[in-house]
Amino acid sequence: MDDIMRGRMEAAREHYLEVQEAMSHPDVASNQELARRYGRELAEWEGMLSAYDRYLALLSEIDTLKDLLREDDPEIRAWAEPELERYRQLLQDADRQMILLLAPQDPNDKKNVIVEIRGGAGGDEAALFAADLYRMYSRYAERQGWKSELLSSSPTDIGGFKEIIFMIEGDGAFSQLKFERGVHRVQRVPVTEAGGRIHTSTVTVAVLPEAEEVDVVIGPDDLRIDTMRSSGAGGQHVNKTESAVRLTHLPTGIVVYCQDEKSQMKNRERAMRVLRARLKELADSTAAQEIADARRSQVGTGDRSERIRTYNFPQGRVTDHRIGLTLHRLETVLDGDLQEIIAALQADEQEARLHEQQA
């Protein structure tokens, strides 16, 4: 660790103590949003400062071992020499960790996520696989102890989804699920295929960090709200009440439609959560593109030639093309066991950040 990094860490310690002091101020204690933000900030700095203290402790141990190597007693020197090598390796690992911790972090990593899954190429088969992916992410959320909530869906007659939008709430949800955005390709024999031929279909996945009201300000004149009767299954209720809600953000043209709840108020609330997330995504885009371009850069066009991952049913394998990882346990992956894939993608991202910091 060079002097610049040490200076940054010492400055971080001072800032941490200042935030700690601010947390005890009555103005902060009475402001839940501010207290929550300060609490998240303290939690982030605690991990970094803990790693820094470990680094300093290792330096101290190394200095002690160097002193022991100057002793006249040969037994002490014989013990200290391998210990010094072991501590030097630990220090190298700690230094690597500090570089990663000091690298710019994605400010959205701690946020909840809104996941949008849409059938791409493949018609009914793509819609069926969209349902499979929805189940996969729901099961993964359960394994993590997270909560999932359906926001909007457009089901098909055979049990698939043309589109399904849902929220996953959990600490660090975006830091893990952000790697899922892109085109997912499936190769299997569709249930609608009488000849037993293998088809290739695609599904697009978009993962958006949840936007809080303080993140996105929507003016009263920026929104058009339309209500209508829900379509699809729902019995008499669908025909009698205008519970479906369509929000149109006039400055950007973004449209969000929700109909799954029987309550118009609940559908409006869900639509607003999706709208805020999409507006935040647009605001975060450094290219300031049109919303269609910004979303296309995340999920592509849904064409078969574009893919981040392939699910091959005949061979029972899953391949993530970004890191060249292949697992021969398709069934468990689709049951929500994504941790090995996500951990490998996180490690790949960390390596890239490490190289950027060292360049």
Protein backbone atom coordinates (compact mmCIF):
# COMPACT_ATOMS: atom_id res chain seq x y z
CA MET A 1 0.00 0.00 0.00
CA ASP A 2 1.47 3.32 -1.05
CA ASP A 3 1.30 6.64 0.81
CA ILE A 4 -1.65 7.83 -1.29
CA MET A 5 -3.76 4.81 -0.31
CA ARG A 6 -2.78 5.22 3.34
CA GLY A 7 -3.82 8.84 3.17
CA ARG A 8 -7.18 7.86 1.69
CA MET A 9 -7.75 5.32 4.45
CA GLU A 10 -6.87 7.74 7.22
CA ALA A 11 -9.22 10.30 5.64
CA ALA A 12 -11.89 7.59 5.50
CA ARG A 13 -11.44 6.93 9.22
CA GLU A 14 -11.93 10.63 9.99
CA HIS A 15 -15.04 10.74 7.81
CA TYR A 16 -16.39 7.62 9.52
CA LEU A 17 -16.02 9.23 12.93
CA GLU A 18 -17.72 12.40 11.68
CA VAL A 19 -20.71 10.43 10.38
CA GLN A 20 -20.86 8.51 13.65
CA GLU A 21 -21.06 11.80 15.53
CA ALA A 22 -23.68 13.15 13.12
CA MET A 23 -25.86 10.08 13.75
CA SER A 24 -26.28 11.17 17.36
CA HIS A 25 -27.57 14.61 16.36
CA PRO A 26 -31.35 15.13 16.98
CA ASP A 27 -31.90 16.45 13.44
CA VAL A 28 -30.59 13.19 11.99
CA ALA A 29 -32.40 10.97 14.48
CA SER A 30 -35.72 12.61 13.55
CA ASN A 31 -35.11 12.20 9.80
CA GLN A 32 -35.58 8.51 8.96
CA GLU A 33 -34.33 8.81 5.39
CA LEU A 34 -31.16 10.65 6.42
CA ALA A 35 -30.55 8.25 9.31
CA ARG A 36 -30.95 5.30 6.93
CA ARG A 37 -28.50 6.83 4.46
CA TYR A 38 -25.93 7.52 7.19
CA GLY A 39 -26.42 3.99 8.52
CA ARG A 40 -25.71 2.48 5.10
CA GLU A 41 -22.63 4.69 4.76
CA LEU A 42 -21.29 3.59 8.16
CA ALA A 43 -21.84 -0.07 7.26
CA GLU A 44 -19.85 0.37 4.04
CA TRP A 45 -16.94 2.11 5.80
CA GLU A 46 -16.87 -0.43 8.63
CA GLY A 47 -15.83 -3.22 6.27
CA MET A 48 -13.16 -1.10 4.64
CA LEU A 49 -11.72 0.17 7.93
CA SER A 50 -11.74 -3.36 9.37
CA ALA A 51 -9.67 -4.51 6.37
CA TYR A 52 -7.32 -1.54 6.83
CA ASP A 53 -6.83 -2.34 10.54
CA ARG A 54 -6.01 -5.93 9.61
CA TYR A 55 -3.47 -4.64 7.09
CA LEU A 56 -1.81 -2.46 9.76
CA ALA A 57 -1.78 -5.40 12.21
CA LEU A 58 -0.02 -7.58 9.63
CA LEU A 59 2.60 -4.85 9.09
CA SER A 60 3.22 -4.77 12.83
CA GLU A 61 3.60 -8.56 12.98
CA ILE A 62 6.08 -8.46 10.09
CA ASP A 63 8.19 -5.84 11.87
CA THR A 64 8.24 -8.03 14.97
CA LEU A 65 9.31 -11.09 12.96
CA LYS A 66 12.08 -9.09 11.28
CA ASP A 67 13.39 -8.18 14.72
CA LEU A 68 13.34 -11.86 15.74
CA LEU A 69 15.48 -12.76 12.72
CA ARG A 70 18.22 -10.59 14.21
CA GLU A 71 18.25 -12.66 17.42
CA ASP A 72 21.30 -14.78 18.25
CA ASP A 73 19.19 -17.83 19.08
CA PRO A 74 19.13 -20.09 15.97
CA GLU A 75 15.86 -21.76 17.05
CA ILE A 76 14.07 -18.42 17.16
CA ARG A 77 15.42 -17.50 13.73
CA ALA A 78 14.43 -20.90 12.33
CA TRP A 79 10.86 -20.36 13.56
CA ALA A 80 10.63 -16.72 12.50
CA GLU A 81 11.80 -17.17 8.90
CA PRO A 82 8.85 -19.28 7.62
CA GLU A 83 6.46 -17.21 9.72
CA LEU A 84 7.75 -14.07 8.04
CA GLU A 85 7.08 -15.57 4.60
CA ARG A 86 3.57 -16.57 5.67
CA TYR A 87 2.79 -13.08 6.96
CA ARG A 88 4.21 -11.48 3.82
CA GLN A 89 1.75 -13.56 1.79
CA LEU A 90 -1.09 -12.53 4.07
CA LEU A 91 -0.02 -8.90 3.66
CA GLN A 92 -0.02 -9.28 -0.12
CA ASP A 93 -3.56 -10.69 0.00
CA ALA A 94 -4.65 -7.88 2.32
CA ASP A 95 -3.10 -5.29 0.02
CA ARG A 96 -5.01 -6.78 -2.92
CA GLN A 97 -8.22 -6.60 -0.91
CA MET A 98 -7.58 -2.96 -0.04
CA ILE A 99 -7.08 -2.06 -3.70
CA LEU A 100 -10.42 -3.66 -4.52
CA LEU A 101 -12.18 -1.93 -1.64
CA LEU A 102 -10.79 1.45 -2.65
CA ALA A 103 -11.75 1.01 -6.29
CA PRO A 104 -14.87 2.97 -7.31
CA GLN A 105 -17.95 1.02 -6.23
CA ASP A 106 -21.21 0.74 -8.10
CA PRO A 107 -23.49 3.05 -6.06
CA ASN A 108 -26.43 0.78 -6.85
CA ASP A 109 -24.91 -2.43 -5.46
CA LYS A 110 -26.78 -2.28 -2.14
CA LYS A 111 -30.16 -1.60 -3.72
CA ASN A 112 -33.17 -3.82 -4.30
CA VAL A 113 -33.81 -4.73 -7.92
CA ILE A 114 -36.63 -4.73 -10.41
CA VAL A 115 -36.26 -7.57 -12.90
CA GLU A 116 -37.99 -7.46 -16.29
CA ILE A 117 -38.14 -10.68 -18.31
CA ARG A 118 -39.47 -10.73 -21.88
CA GLY A 119 -39.78 -13.45 -24.46
CA GLY A 120 -37.52 -12.83 -27.44
CA ALA A 121 -37.11 -15.04 -30.51
CA GLY A 122 -39.07 -18.26 -30.35
CA GLY A 123 -42.74 -17.37 -29.81
CA ASP A 124 -44.55 -19.62 -27.32
CA GLU A 125 -41.34 -21.45 -26.39
CA ALA A 126 -39.64 -18.15 -25.48
CA ALA A 127 -42.64 -17.24 -23.31
CA LEU A 128 -42.43 -20.61 -21.54
CA PHE A 129 -38.74 -20.13 -20.85
CA ALA A 130 -39.48 -16.63 -19.49
CA ALA A 131 -41.64 -18.41 -16.90
CA ASP A 132 -38.73 -20.80 -16.16
CA LEU A 133 -36.37 -17.87 -15.55
CA TYR A 134 -38.93 -16.14 -13.32
CA ARG A 135 -39.08 -19.29 -11.20
CA MET A 136 -35.26 -19.54 -11.19
CA TYR A 137 -34.81 -16.01 -9.85
CA SER A 138 -37.64 -16.43 -7.34
CA ARG A 139 -36.00 -19.59 -6.00
CA TYR A 140 -32.61 -17.87 -5.88
CA ALA A 141 -34.17 -15.04 -3.87
CA GLU A 142 -35.60 -17.61 -1.43
CA ARG A 143 -32.16 -19.22 -1.02
CA GLN A 144 -30.71 -15.79 -0.18
CA GLY A 145 -33.45 -15.00 2.30
CA TRP A 146 -34.74 -12.20 0.07
CA LYS A 147 -38.32 -11.23 -0.67
CA SER A 148 -39.79 -11.24 -4.18
CA GLU A 149 -42.95 -9.45 -5.29
CA LEU A 150 -44.74 -9.64 -8.62
CA LEU A 151 -45.31 -6.19 -10.12
CA SER A 152 -46.76 -6.85 -13.57
CA SER A 153 -47.21 -9.74 -15.99
CA SER A 154 -48.60 -10.62 -19.40
CA PRO A 155 -49.28 -14.39 -19.29
CA THR A 156 -49.87 -16.62 -22.30
CA ASP A 157 -52.53 -19.29 -22.66
CA ILE A 158 -50.04 -22.17 -22.28
CA GLY A 159 -48.43 -21.00 -19.01
CA GLY A 160 -45.67 -18.71 -20.21
CA PHE A 161 -45.14 -14.95 -20.06
CA LYS A 162 -44.76 -12.48 -22.88
CA GLU A 163 -43.47 -10.16 -20.15
CA ILE A 164 -43.13 -10.38 -16.39
CA ILE A 165 -41.83 -7.70 -14.03
CA PHE A 166 -41.05 -8.35 -10.38
CA MET A 167 -39.09 -6.87 -7.49
CA ILE A 168 -36.50 -8.62 -5.33
CA GLU A 169 -35.79 -6.97 -1.99
CA GLY A 170 -32.60 -7.87 -0.16
CA ASP A 171 -29.32 -6.34 0.94
CA GLY A 172 -26.92 -6.38 -2.01
CA ALA A 173 -29.49 -7.81 -4.43
CA PHE A 174 -28.31 -5.61 -7.30
CA SER A 175 -24.64 -6.48 -6.69
CA GLN A 176 -25.47 -10.11 -7.50
CA LEU A 177 -28.32 -9.99 -9.96
CA LYS A 178 -26.90 -7.23 -12.18
CA PHE A 179 -24.91 -9.94 -13.99
CA GLU A 180 -28.17 -11.50 -15.20
CA ARG A 181 -29.04 -8.68 -17.59
CA GLY A 182 -28.77 -9.64 -21.21
CA VAL A 183 -30.00 -12.30 -23.61
CA HIS A 184 -30.52 -15.84 -22.26
CA ARG A 185 -30.65 -18.60 -24.88
CA VAL A 186 -32.43 -21.93 -24.42
CA GLN A 187 -31.96 -25.05 -26.55
CA ARG A 188 -34.56 -27.78 -26.04
CA VAL A 189 -37.47 -29.65 -27.58
CA PRO A 190 -40.55 -27.46 -27.04
CA VAL A 191 -43.71 -28.99 -25.61
CA THR A 192 -45.44 -27.74 -28.76
CA GLU A 193 -43.02 -29.64 -31.05
CA ALA A 194 -44.48 -32.92 -32.32
CA GLY A 195 -41.42 -33.97 -34.29
CA GLY A 196 -38.96 -33.94 -31.37
CA ARG A 197 -36.68 -31.34 -32.93
CA ILE A 198 -34.49 -29.11 -30.77
CA HIS A 199 -35.37 -25.43 -31.02
CA THR A 200 -33.34 -22.38 -30.01
CA SER A 201 -35.21 -19.53 -28.37
CA THR A 202 -34.22 -16.42 -26.43
CA VAL A 203 -35.43 -14.40 -23.48
CA THR A 204 -34.20 -10.93 -22.51
CA VAL A 205 -33.58 -9.97 -18.90
CA ALA A 206 -33.23 -6.41 -17.64
CA VAL A 207 -32.14 -5.76 -14.04
CA LEU A 208 -32.82 -2.26 -12.71
CA PRO A 209 -31.82 -0.89 -9.29
CA GLU A 210 -34.85 0.24 -7.33
CA ALA A 211 -35.17 4.01 -7.32
CA GLU A 212 -36.38 5.73 -4.17
CA GLU A 213 -38.54 8.82 -4.36
CA VAL A 214 -35.56 10.98 -3.44
CA ASP A 215 -33.63 9.52 -6.41
CA VAL A 216 -36.19 10.47 -9.04
CA VAL A 217 -38.45 13.50 -8.93
CA ILE A 218 -41.60 13.26 -11.07
CA GLY A 219 -43.45 16.53 -11.47
CA PRO A 220 -47.27 16.59 -11.36
CA ASP A 221 -47.43 17.75 -14.97
CA ASP A 222 -45.01 15.03 -16.15
CA LEU A 223 -47.44 12.16 -15.70
CA ARG A 224 -50.55 10.98 -17.53
CA ILE A 225 -52.57 8.34 -15.70
CA ASP A 226 -55.08 6.16 -17.55
CA THR A 227 -57.30 3.52 -15.96
CA MET A 228 -59.03 0.65 -17.74
CA ARG A 229 -60.42 -2.81 -17.24
CA SER A 230 -57.91 -5.58 -16.82
CA SER A 231 -57.48 -8.13 -19.59
CA GLY A 232 -56.95 -11.88 -19.28
CA ALA A 233 -57.92 -14.17 -16.43
CA GLY A 234 -59.67 -12.69 -13.44
CA GLY A 235 -63.34 -13.66 -13.47
CA GLN A 236 -66.13 -11.13 -13.11
CA HIS A 237 -63.83 -8.58 -11.49
CA VAL A 238 -62.02 -7.98 -14.78
CA ASN A 239 -65.20 -7.02 -16.52
CA LYS A 240 -66.65 -4.75 -13.85
CA THR A 241 -63.88 -2.54 -12.46
CA GLU A 242 -61.26 -0.31 -14.03
CA SER A 243 -58.40 -1.52 -11.86
CA ALA A 244 -55.66 -1.59 -14.49
CA VAL A 245 -53.38 1.45 -14.56
CA ARG A 246 -51.22 2.84 -17.35
CA LEU A 247 -48.69 5.54 -16.52
CA THR A 248 -47.10 7.64 -19.25
CA HIS A 249 -44.10 9.80 -18.40
CA LEU A 250 -44.62 12.64 -20.86
CA PRO A 251 -41.03 14.04 -21.01
CA THR A 252 -39.53 10.64 -21.95
CA GLY A 253 -42.49 8.74 -23.37
CA ILE A 254 -41.92 5.82 -20.98
CA VAL A 255 -45.10 3.80 -20.48
CA VAL A 256 -45.76 1.38 -17.60
CA TYR A 257 -48.86 -0.82 -17.40
CA CYS A 258 -49.96 -2.80 -14.32
CA GLN A 259 -53.12 -4.90 -13.95
CA ASP A 260 -52.30 -7.84 -11.65
CA GLU A 261 -53.86 -6.40 -8.48
CA LYS A 262 -57.61 -5.96 -8.03
CA SER A 263 -56.99 -2.57 -6.42
CA GLN A 264 -56.40 0.39 -8.72
CA MET A 265 -54.34 2.04 -5.97
CA LYS A 266 -52.03 -0.98 -5.65
CA ASN A 267 -51.57 -1.20 -9.41
CA ARG A 268 -50.71 2.50 -9.51
CA GLU A 269 -48.19 2.07 -6.68
CA ARG A 270 -46.51 -0.82 -8.48
CA ALA A 271 -46.44 1.03 -11.77
CA MET A 272 -44.78 4.00 -10.06
CA ARG A 273 -42.02 1.76 -8.68
CA VAL A 274 -41.29 0.43 -12.15
CA LEU A 275 -41.45 3.91 -13.67
CA ARG A 276 -39.01 5.34 -11.11
CA ALA A 277 -36.57 2.48 -11.76
CA ARG A 278 -36.70 3.06 -15.51
CA LEU A 279 -36.21 6.80 -15.10
CA LYS A 280 -33.25 6.19 -12.82
CA GLU A 281 -31.78 3.85 -15.40
CA LEU A 282 -32.15 6.57 -18.01
CA ALA A 283 -30.63 9.22 -15.72
CA ASP A 284 -27.69 6.95 -14.89
CA SER A 285 -26.90 6.37 -18.55
CA THR A 286 -23.70 8.27 -19.34
CA ALA A 287 -24.51 8.33 -23.03
CA ALA A 288 -27.84 10.15 -22.44
CA GLN A 289 -29.44 8.06 -25.18
CA GLU A 290 -33.06 7.62 -26.00
CA ILE A 291 -34.75 5.20 -23.60
CA ALA A 292 -35.07 2.50 -26.27
CA ASP A 293 -31.34 2.69 -26.99
CA ALA A 294 -30.47 2.60 -23.30
CA ARG A 295 -32.59 -0.50 -22.75
CA ARG A 296 -31.34 -2.16 -25.93
CA SER A 297 -27.73 -1.79 -24.71
CA GLN A 298 -28.68 -3.87 -21.70
CA VAL A 299 -30.76 -6.66 -23.23
CA GLY A 300 -29.95 -6.51 -26.92
CA THR A 301 -32.59 -7.20 -29.56
CA GLY A 302 -33.41 -10.73 -28.43
CA ASP A 303 -31.89 -12.20 -31.58
CA ARG A 304 -30.56 -15.77 -31.27
CA SER A 305 -26.99 -14.75 -32.15
CA GLU A 306 -26.79 -12.50 -29.07
CA ARG A 307 -26.46 -14.23 -25.73
CA ILE A 308 -24.79 -14.07 -22.35
CA ARG A 309 -25.79 -17.58 -21.32
CA THR A 310 -27.07 -20.78 -22.92
CA TYR A 311 -29.26 -23.39 -21.25
CA ASN A 312 -28.88 -26.65 -23.20
CA PHE A 313 -31.48 -29.23 -22.11
CA PRO A 314 -30.35 -32.23 -24.23
CA GLN A 315 -26.87 -32.11 -22.63
CA GLY A 316 -28.04 -30.82 -19.24
CA ARG A 317 -25.55 -27.95 -19.23
CA VAL A 318 -25.45 -24.22 -18.64
CA THR A 319 -22.73 -22.07 -20.24
CA ASP A 320 -22.00 -18.46 -19.37
CA HIS A 321 -20.29 -17.10 -22.47
CA ARG A 322 -18.78 -14.01 -20.79
CA ILE A 323 -16.40 -16.03 -18.62
CA GLY A 324 -16.43 -19.39 -20.43
CA LEU A 325 -17.97 -21.22 -17.45
CA THR A 326 -19.90 -24.44 -18.15
CA LEU A 327 -21.83 -26.37 -15.50
CA HIS A 328 -23.37 -29.77 -16.16
CA ARG A 329 -26.24 -29.36 -13.71
CA LEU A 330 -28.94 -27.52 -15.58
CA GLU A 331 -31.74 -28.77 -13.30
CA THR A 332 -30.25 -27.35 -10.10
CA VAL A 333 -29.40 -24.02 -11.77
CA LEU A 334 -32.99 -23.61 -12.94
CA ASP A 335 -34.05 -24.44 -9.38
CA GLY A 336 -32.26 -21.30 -8.22
CA ASP A 337 -28.75 -22.58 -7.49
CA LEU A 338 -26.99 -19.66 -9.20
CA GLN A 339 -24.35 -18.94 -6.58
CA GLU A 340 -21.43 -20.59 -8.40
CA ILE A 341 -22.15 -18.66 -11.59
CA ILE A 342 -22.67 -15.34 -9.80
CA ALA A 343 -19.55 -15.81 -7.66
CA ALA A 344 -17.48 -16.45 -10.80
CA LEU A 345 -18.90 -13.32 -12.47
CA GLN A 346 -18.19 -11.25 -9.35
CA ALA A 347 -14.61 -12.55 -9.27
CA ASP A 348 -14.20 -11.62 -12.94
CA GLU A 349 -15.50 -8.12 -12.23
CA GLN A 350 -13.09 -7.78 -9.30
CA GLU A 351 -10.16 -8.79 -11.48
CA ALA A 352 -11.13 -6.16 -14.04
CA ARG A 353 -11.37 -3.51 -11.30
CA LEU A 354 -8.01 -4.59 -9.89
CA HIS A 355 -6.33 -4.21 -13.29
CA GLU A 356 -7.93 -0.77 -13.73
CA GLN A 357 -6.59 0.38 -10.36
CA GLN A 358 -3.10 -0.93 -11.07
CA ALA A 359 -2.92 0.42 -14.62
